[in-house]
Amino acid sequence: MFRFGSIVVRIWSNDHNPPHVEAFWPSMRKPEAYGKFLLGTLECIECHGFSAKDIKRIQKELQMRHNKLFEGWRQIHGEED
């Protein structure tokens, strides 16, 4: 959905509730770091490779785009349950 610096944030079309996004640092073979963030609270519910500072930075970026991200989730998945 968007990129800031070298971090990519996506909503996957074949994903499940609750509404969330996934953030990662891509590399040629697999993500170097990965995190899953709930859209309702921006809580990081899964993380591999991101530091606490990275997570705060990602949450700040997500907060700035919060409404657009929820709109994107609804367009892809419909209204949340």
C-alpha atoms as a PDB file:
ATOM      1  CA  MET A   1       0.000   0.000   0.000  1.00  0.00           C
ATOM      2  CA  PHE A   2       2.842   2.385   0.745  1.00  0.00           C
ATOM      3  CA  ARG A   3       6.540   2.604   1.385  1.00  0.00           C
ATOM      4  CA  PHE A   4       8.507   4.900   3.665  1.00  0.00           C
ATOM      5  CA  GLY A   5      12.255   4.707   3.679  1.00  0.00           C
ATOM      6  CA  SER A   6      13.006   1.065   2.988  1.00  0.00           C
ATOM      7  CA  ILE A   7       9.942  -0.268   4.837  1.00  0.00           C
ATOM      8  CA  VAL A   8       6.947  -1.546   2.852  1.00  0.00           C
ATOM      9  CA  VAL A   9       3.441  -1.651   4.379  1.00  0.00           C
ATOM     10  CA  ARG A  10       0.767  -3.864   2.805  1.00  0.00           C
ATOM     11  CA  ILE A  11      -2.760  -5.179   3.166  1.00  0.00           C
ATOM     12  CA  TRP A  12      -3.040  -8.605   1.569  1.00  0.00           C
ATOM     13  CA  SER A  13      -6.160  -9.433  -0.454  1.00  0.00           C
ATOM     14  CA  ASN A  14      -6.395 -13.011   0.855  1.00  0.00           C
ATOM     15  CA  ASP A  15      -6.021 -12.040   4.528  1.00  0.00           C
ATOM     16  CA  HIS A  16      -8.351 -12.376   7.529  1.00  0.00           C
ATOM     17  CA  ASN A  17      -9.858 -10.295  10.328  1.00  0.00           C
ATOM     18  CA  PRO A  18      -9.080  -8.458  12.509  1.00  0.00           C
ATOM     19  CA  PRO A  19      -8.110  -5.552  10.223  1.00  0.00           C
ATOM     20  CA  HIS A  20      -4.328  -5.232  10.147  1.00  0.00           C
ATOM     21  CA  VAL A  21      -1.349  -4.380   7.980  1.00  0.00           C
ATOM     22  CA  GLU A  22       2.000  -6.036   7.568  1.00  0.00           C
ATOM     23  CA  ALA A  23       5.236  -4.080   7.439  1.00  0.00           C
ATOM     24  CA  PHE A  24       8.536  -5.470   6.222  1.00  0.00           C
ATOM     25  CA  TRP A  25      12.002  -4.733   4.945  1.00  0.00           C
ATOM     26  CA  PRO A  26      12.183  -6.619   1.675  1.00  0.00           C
ATOM     27  CA  SER A  27      15.224  -8.472   0.449  1.00  0.00           C
ATOM     28  CA  MET A  28      15.862 -10.728  -2.515  1.00  0.00           C
ATOM     29  CA  ARG A  29      14.884 -13.979  -0.773  1.00  0.00           C
ATOM     30  CA  LYS A  30      12.742 -13.160   2.263  1.00  0.00           C
ATOM     31  CA  PRO A  31      11.883 -10.201   4.471  1.00  0.00           C
ATOM     32  CA  GLU A  32      14.765  -9.090   6.678  1.00  0.00           C
ATOM     33  CA  ALA A  33      12.214  -7.853   9.220  1.00  0.00           C
ATOM     34  CA  TYR A  34       8.475  -8.311   9.541  1.00  0.00           C
ATOM     35  CA  GLY A  35       5.685  -6.943  11.743  1.00  0.00           C
ATOM     36  CA  LYS A  36       1.900  -7.223  11.919  1.00  0.00           C
ATOM     37  CA  PHE A  37      -0.033  -4.210  13.235  1.00  0.00           C
ATOM     38  CA  LEU A  38      -3.727  -4.034  14.179  1.00  0.00           C
ATOM     39  CA  LEU A  39      -5.468  -1.123  12.493  1.00  0.00           C
ATOM     40  CA  GLY A  40      -7.775  -0.486  15.462  1.00  0.00           C
ATOM     41  CA  THR A  41      -5.031   0.138  18.018  1.00  0.00           C
ATOM     42  CA  LEU A  42      -1.834   0.077  15.900  1.00  0.00           C
ATOM     43  CA  GLU A  43      -0.546  -2.537  18.340  1.00  0.00           C
ATOM     44  CA  CYS A  44       2.261  -4.686  16.985  1.00  0.00           C
ATOM     45  CA  ILE A  45       0.955  -8.239  17.426  1.00  0.00           C
ATOM     46  CA  GLU A  46       3.814 -10.037  15.687  1.00  0.00           C
ATOM     47  CA  CYS A  47       7.370  -8.932  15.080  1.00  0.00           C
ATOM     48  CA  HIS A  48      10.575 -10.449  13.760  1.00  0.00           C
ATOM     49  CA  GLY A  49      13.675  -8.335  13.266  1.00  0.00           C
ATOM     50  CA  PHE A  50      12.349  -4.826  13.967  1.00  0.00           C
ATOM     51  CA  SER A  51      13.744  -2.929  16.957  1.00  0.00           C
ATOM     52  CA  ALA A  52      11.500  -1.097  19.430  1.00  0.00           C
ATOM     53  CA  LYS A  53      12.557   2.139  17.714  1.00  0.00           C
ATOM     54  CA  ASP A  54      11.522   0.726  14.310  1.00  0.00           C
ATOM     55  CA  ILE A  55       8.132  -0.314  15.688  1.00  0.00           C
ATOM     56  CA  LYS A  56       7.487   3.184  17.070  1.00  0.00           C
ATOM     57  CA  ARG A  57       8.451   4.687  13.713  1.00  0.00           C
ATOM     58  CA  ILE A  58       6.130   2.322  11.859  1.00  0.00           C
ATOM     59  CA  GLN A  59       3.284   3.080  14.277  1.00  0.00           C
ATOM     60  CA  LYS A  60       3.806   6.813  13.708  1.00  0.00           C
ATOM     61  CA  GLU A  61       3.586   6.323   9.933  1.00  0.00           C
ATOM     62  CA  LEU A  62       0.488   4.142  10.326  1.00  0.00           C
ATOM     63  CA  GLN A  63      -1.166   6.767  12.544  1.00  0.00           C
ATOM     64  CA  MET A  64      -0.643   9.428   9.870  1.00  0.00           C
ATOM     65  CA  ARG A  65      -2.383   7.180   7.307  1.00  0.00           C
ATOM     66  CA  HIS A  66      -4.883   5.512   9.653  1.00  0.00           C
ATOM     67  CA  ASN A  67      -8.104   6.519   7.844  1.00  0.00           C
ATOM     68  CA  LYS A  68      -6.705   5.636   4.432  1.00  0.00           C
ATOM     69  CA  LEU A  69      -5.528   2.237   5.697  1.00  0.00           C
ATOM     70  CA  PHE A  70      -8.954   1.410   7.154  1.00  0.00           C
ATOM     71  CA  GLU A  71     -10.546   2.505   3.883  1.00  0.00           C
ATOM     72  CA  GLY A  72      -8.149   0.221   1.999  1.00  0.00           C
ATOM     73  CA  TRP A  73      -9.005  -2.717   4.273  1.00  0.00           C
ATOM     74  CA  ARG A  74     -12.740  -2.150   3.721  1.00  0.00           C
ATOM     75  CA  GLN A  75     -12.309  -1.914  -0.057  1.00  0.00           C
ATOM     76  CA  ILE A  76     -10.433  -5.216  -0.118  1.00  0.00           C
ATOM     77  CA  HIS A  77     -12.269  -7.163   2.614  1.00  0.00           C
ATOM     78  CA  GLY A  78     -15.588  -5.390   3.143  1.00  0.00           C
ATOM     79  CA  GLU A  79     -16.841  -4.067   6.457  1.00  0.00           C
ATOM     80  CA  GLU A  80     -15.171  -5.480   9.561  1.00  0.00           C
ATOM     81  CA  ASP A  81     -17.109  -8.009  11.622  1.00  0.00           C
END
